Amino acid sequence: MTTFRPKYITFDCYGTLINFQMAEAARDLYGAQLDEARMQQVIKNFSAYRFDEIMGDWKPYAEVVHNSLERTCKRNGLEFRDEDAKMIYERVPTWGPHADVPAGLARVAREIPLVALSNAMDSQIMSNVEKLGAPFHAVYTAQQANAYKPRFQAFEYMFDMLNCNPEDILHVSSSFRYDLMSAHDLGIKNKVWVNRGHEPANPYYGYTEIADISGLAGVVGL
């Protein structure tokens, strides 16, 4: 990708910028009961059910966590407790950024407005964003859009709020399933994949790969 100076750099938040710790939360709940192979299966199922839960009509993220954990427990023969789902949900605002994020964001924020598009509740997200170490022009949530990514409605809400088009932005994410596949289909030509090890590379979707956010400034010629 040639150097592109977008009107906005838009970001996925959890996983890409914030150190997303759902697996650690599940391990805290069930790790003492399970051997490592079964624990890895629980983590895998919990991730998959969360994705499935956000594909339909919008519902509060507490319900997403509750339902996906309940389904995971049922599949793996574990006792489900409401208070366990609540504990995981309440941890979300306490999570902070990956170590590379504050300095990497601060470098580009001086020149290009930063925007977050997150599968979050309004009551959660600002606590996380405040930990990122750089100013954000705007923060948009699934709650505001009435849709979770990867649904197009979430991205379209962002375009409408920014009064911009897909070709005006650079979208940054560590996830193909949640972000970069939809971004491709919506005509966001300029994309960055942050390779956090969550998913394998998929060159079909046309992106610039960086190892962490410290590489973002070079992508936009800073």
Protein backbone atom coordinates (compact mmCIF):
# COMPACT_ATOMS: atom_id res chain seq x y z
CA MET A 1 0.00 0.00 0.00
CA THR A 2 1.39 3.40 -0.95
CA THR A 3 1.50 6.06 1.73
CA PHE A 4 -2.01 7.24 2.45
CA ARG A 5 -2.94 10.15 4.71
CA PRO A 6 -6.54 9.50 5.73
CA LYS A 7 -9.05 11.94 7.14
CA TYR A 8 -9.36 9.59 10.11
CA ILE A 9 -7.62 6.52 11.44
CA THR A 10 -10.32 4.24 12.81
CA PHE A 11 -9.59 1.45 15.26
CA ASP A 12 -11.00 -1.68 16.69
CA CYS A 13 -10.47 -1.32 20.42
CA TYR A 14 -10.57 -4.62 22.32
CA GLY A 15 -7.78 -6.94 21.22
CA THR A 16 -6.19 -4.41 18.89
CA LEU A 17 -5.51 -1.58 21.36
CA ILE A 18 -6.77 -2.94 24.68
CA ASN A 19 -5.31 -6.18 25.98
CA PHE A 20 -8.48 -8.27 25.72
CA GLN A 21 -8.45 -10.75 28.61
CA MET A 22 -11.50 -12.96 28.18
CA ALA A 23 -9.34 -16.08 28.03
CA GLU A 24 -7.63 -15.13 31.28
CA ALA A 25 -11.00 -14.53 32.94
CA ALA A 26 -12.23 -17.95 31.84
CA ARG A 27 -9.04 -19.54 33.10
CA ASP A 28 -9.50 -17.86 36.49
CA LEU A 29 -12.96 -19.43 36.72
CA TYR A 30 -12.28 -22.93 35.45
CA GLY A 31 -8.53 -23.49 35.32
CA ALA A 32 -8.38 -25.32 38.65
CA GLN A 33 -11.02 -27.81 37.45
CA LEU A 34 -9.61 -28.64 34.02
CA ASP A 35 -6.46 -29.98 32.46
CA GLU A 36 -4.82 -27.75 29.86
CA ALA A 37 -6.40 -29.43 26.84
CA ARG A 38 -9.92 -29.00 28.23
CA MET A 39 -9.14 -25.44 29.31
CA GLN A 40 -8.06 -24.57 25.79
CA GLN A 41 -11.33 -26.02 24.48
CA VAL A 42 -13.32 -23.86 26.89
CA ILE A 43 -11.42 -20.75 25.77
CA LYS A 44 -12.01 -21.64 22.13
CA ASN A 45 -15.73 -22.28 22.66
CA PHE A 46 -16.19 -19.09 24.71
CA SER A 47 -14.66 -17.05 21.90
CA ALA A 48 -16.79 -18.72 19.24
CA TYR A 49 -20.03 -18.32 21.17
CA ARG A 50 -19.33 -14.63 21.79
CA PHE A 51 -18.98 -14.15 18.04
CA ASP A 52 -22.20 -16.05 17.41
CA GLU A 53 -24.07 -14.01 20.01
CA ILE A 54 -23.28 -10.66 18.35
CA MET A 55 -24.36 -11.67 14.84
CA GLY A 56 -28.07 -11.01 15.32
CA ASP A 57 -30.01 -8.06 16.65
CA TRP A 58 -28.19 -5.88 19.14
CA LYS A 59 -28.46 -6.74 22.82
CA PRO A 60 -26.51 -5.45 25.82
CA TYR A 61 -23.00 -6.81 26.07
CA ALA A 62 -23.76 -8.24 29.50
CA GLU A 63 -26.20 -10.57 27.75
CA VAL A 64 -23.58 -11.49 25.16
CA VAL A 65 -21.16 -12.52 27.90
CA HIS A 66 -23.86 -14.29 29.92
CA ASN A 67 -25.24 -16.28 27.00
CA SER A 68 -21.88 -17.24 25.55
CA LEU A 69 -20.53 -18.37 28.91
CA GLU A 70 -23.69 -20.37 29.61
CA ARG A 71 -23.42 -22.08 26.22
CA THR A 72 -19.73 -22.78 26.81
CA CYS A 73 -20.46 -24.37 30.17
CA LYS A 74 -23.22 -26.52 28.71
CA ARG A 75 -20.95 -27.76 25.94
CA ASN A 76 -18.12 -28.58 28.33
CA GLY A 77 -20.07 -30.04 31.24
CA LEU A 78 -19.33 -27.16 33.62
CA GLU A 79 -21.60 -25.53 36.15
CA PHE A 80 -22.80 -22.13 34.96
CA ARG A 81 -23.39 -19.39 37.51
CA ASP A 82 -24.84 -15.97 36.79
CA GLU A 83 -22.29 -14.33 39.06
CA ASP A 84 -19.42 -15.72 36.96
CA ALA A 85 -20.75 -14.02 33.84
CA LYS A 86 -21.24 -10.80 35.79
CA MET A 87 -17.67 -10.98 37.08
CA ILE A 88 -16.28 -11.26 33.55
CA TYR A 89 -18.45 -8.42 32.29
CA GLU A 90 -17.39 -6.14 35.13
CA ARG A 91 -13.71 -6.78 34.41
CA VAL A 92 -13.90 -5.27 30.94
CA PRO A 93 -13.53 -1.58 31.91
CA THR A 94 -10.45 -2.40 34.02
CA TRP A 95 -8.40 -3.64 31.08
CA GLY A 96 -5.56 -1.49 29.81
CA PRO A 97 -3.63 -1.22 26.54
CA HIS A 98 -0.99 -3.44 25.03
CA ALA A 99 2.44 -2.06 25.92
CA ASP A 100 3.11 -0.74 22.42
CA VAL A 101 -0.12 1.26 22.17
CA PRO A 102 0.30 4.57 24.07
CA ALA A 103 3.47 5.72 22.34
CA GLY A 104 2.35 4.42 18.94
CA LEU A 105 -0.99 6.20 19.14
CA ALA A 106 0.47 9.44 20.49
CA ARG A 107 2.79 9.68 17.51
CA VAL A 108 0.00 9.57 14.92
CA ALA A 109 -2.60 11.49 16.98
CA ARG A 110 -0.57 14.68 16.54
CA GLU A 111 -1.28 14.60 12.81
CA ILE A 112 -4.43 12.54 12.14
CA PRO A 113 -7.67 12.31 14.18
CA LEU A 114 -8.19 8.95 15.87
CA VAL A 115 -11.59 7.22 16.05
CA ALA A 116 -12.62 4.07 17.93
CA LEU A 117 -15.37 1.76 16.67
CA SER A 118 -15.89 -0.79 19.41
CA ASN A 119 -18.19 -3.67 20.26
CA ALA A 120 -18.81 -2.07 23.62
CA MET A 121 -21.33 -0.49 25.89
CA ASP A 122 -21.15 3.25 26.45
CA SER A 123 -20.73 2.63 30.18
CA GLN A 124 -17.62 0.48 29.60
CA ILE A 125 -15.61 1.96 26.80
CA MET A 126 -14.44 5.33 28.09
CA SER A 127 -12.64 3.73 31.01
CA ASN A 128 -10.62 1.73 28.49
CA VAL A 129 -10.06 4.63 26.08
CA GLU A 130 -8.76 6.83 28.90
CA LYS A 131 -5.98 4.29 29.42
CA LEU A 132 -4.77 4.46 25.79
CA GLY A 133 -2.55 7.51 26.27
CA ALA A 134 -3.70 9.54 23.25
CA PRO A 135 -6.67 11.79 22.46
CA PHE A 136 -9.53 10.36 20.40
CA HIS A 137 -11.61 12.51 18.08
CA ALA A 138 -14.61 10.20 18.54
CA VAL A 139 -15.57 6.92 20.17
CA TYR A 140 -18.46 4.95 18.69
CA THR A 141 -19.98 1.85 20.22
CA ALA A 142 -22.19 -1.04 19.22
CA GLN A 143 -24.74 0.36 21.63
CA GLN A 144 -24.89 3.63 19.68
CA ALA A 145 -24.97 1.87 16.31
CA ASN A 146 -27.50 -0.71 17.53
CA ALA A 147 -25.30 -3.35 15.94
CA TYR A 148 -22.07 -5.19 16.67
CA LYS A 149 -19.23 -5.61 14.21
CA PRO A 150 -18.85 -7.46 11.87
CA ARG A 151 -22.32 -6.25 10.84
CA PHE A 152 -22.10 -3.49 8.27
CA GLN A 153 -24.53 -1.35 10.27
CA ALA A 154 -21.83 -0.62 12.85
CA PHE A 155 -19.44 0.70 10.20
CA GLU A 156 -22.17 2.61 8.41
CA TYR A 157 -23.09 4.35 11.64
CA MET A 158 -19.48 5.49 11.95
CA PHE A 159 -19.43 6.79 8.36
CA ASP A 160 -22.62 8.75 8.98
CA MET A 161 -21.36 10.25 12.23
CA LEU A 162 -18.04 11.26 10.67
CA ASN A 163 -19.69 12.42 7.44
CA CYS A 164 -17.10 10.50 5.48
CA ASN A 165 -16.83 7.68 2.97
CA PRO A 166 -15.03 4.33 3.14
CA GLU A 167 -12.18 5.68 0.99
CA ASP A 168 -11.53 8.49 3.48
CA ILE A 169 -10.35 6.32 6.38
CA LEU A 170 -7.63 3.91 7.37
CA HIS A 171 -9.08 1.10 9.49
CA VAL A 172 -6.85 -0.73 11.96
CA SER A 173 -7.65 -4.07 13.57
CA SER A 174 -6.13 -7.31 14.77
CA SER A 175 -9.19 -9.27 13.61
CA PHE A 176 -10.33 -10.30 10.16
CA ARG A 177 -13.60 -11.82 11.39
CA TYR A 178 -14.75 -8.80 13.37
CA ASP A 179 -13.33 -5.99 11.26
CA LEU A 180 -11.20 -6.46 8.18
CA MET A 181 -13.53 -8.74 6.20
CA SER A 182 -16.41 -6.30 6.63
CA ALA A 183 -14.12 -3.36 5.92
CA HIS A 184 -13.08 -5.03 2.65
CA ASP A 185 -16.67 -5.71 1.63
CA LEU A 186 -17.69 -2.13 2.43
CA GLY A 187 -14.98 -0.66 0.22
CA ILE A 188 -12.50 0.45 2.88
CA LYS A 189 -9.46 0.07 0.69
CA ASN A 190 -6.89 1.19 3.25
CA LYS A 191 -6.58 -1.30 6.07
CA VAL A 192 -3.95 -2.27 8.62
CA TRP A 193 -3.78 -5.68 10.26
CA VAL A 194 -2.05 -5.66 13.64
CA ASN A 195 -0.68 -9.18 13.93
CA ARG A 196 -1.36 -9.96 17.58
CA GLY A 197 -1.48 -13.69 16.88
CA HIS A 198 -5.27 -13.91 17.18
CA GLU A 199 -5.88 -15.10 13.62
CA PRO A 200 -3.77 -16.28 10.66
CA ALA A 201 -2.86 -13.92 7.84
CA ASN A 202 -5.36 -13.67 4.98
CA PRO A 203 -3.87 -11.61 2.12
CA TYR A 204 -7.09 -11.77 0.10
CA TYR A 205 -8.46 -8.90 2.17
CA GLY A 206 -5.77 -6.43 1.14
CA TYR A 207 -4.03 -4.79 4.08
CA THR A 208 -0.71 -3.62 5.41
CA GLU A 209 0.59 -5.82 8.22
CA ILE A 210 2.28 -4.38 11.31
CA ALA A 211 3.54 -6.22 14.36
CA ASP A 212 2.19 -3.62 16.77
CA ILE A 213 0.97 -0.02 16.90
CA SER A 214 4.53 1.36 16.82
CA GLY A 215 4.49 0.53 13.09
CA LEU A 216 1.42 2.62 12.32
CA ALA A 217 3.23 5.94 11.88
CA GLY A 218 5.27 4.51 9.03
CA VAL A 219 2.14 3.37 7.23
CA VAL A 220 0.86 6.94 7.02
CA GLY A 221 4.25 8.49 6.29
CA LEU A 222 5.02 9.99 9.69
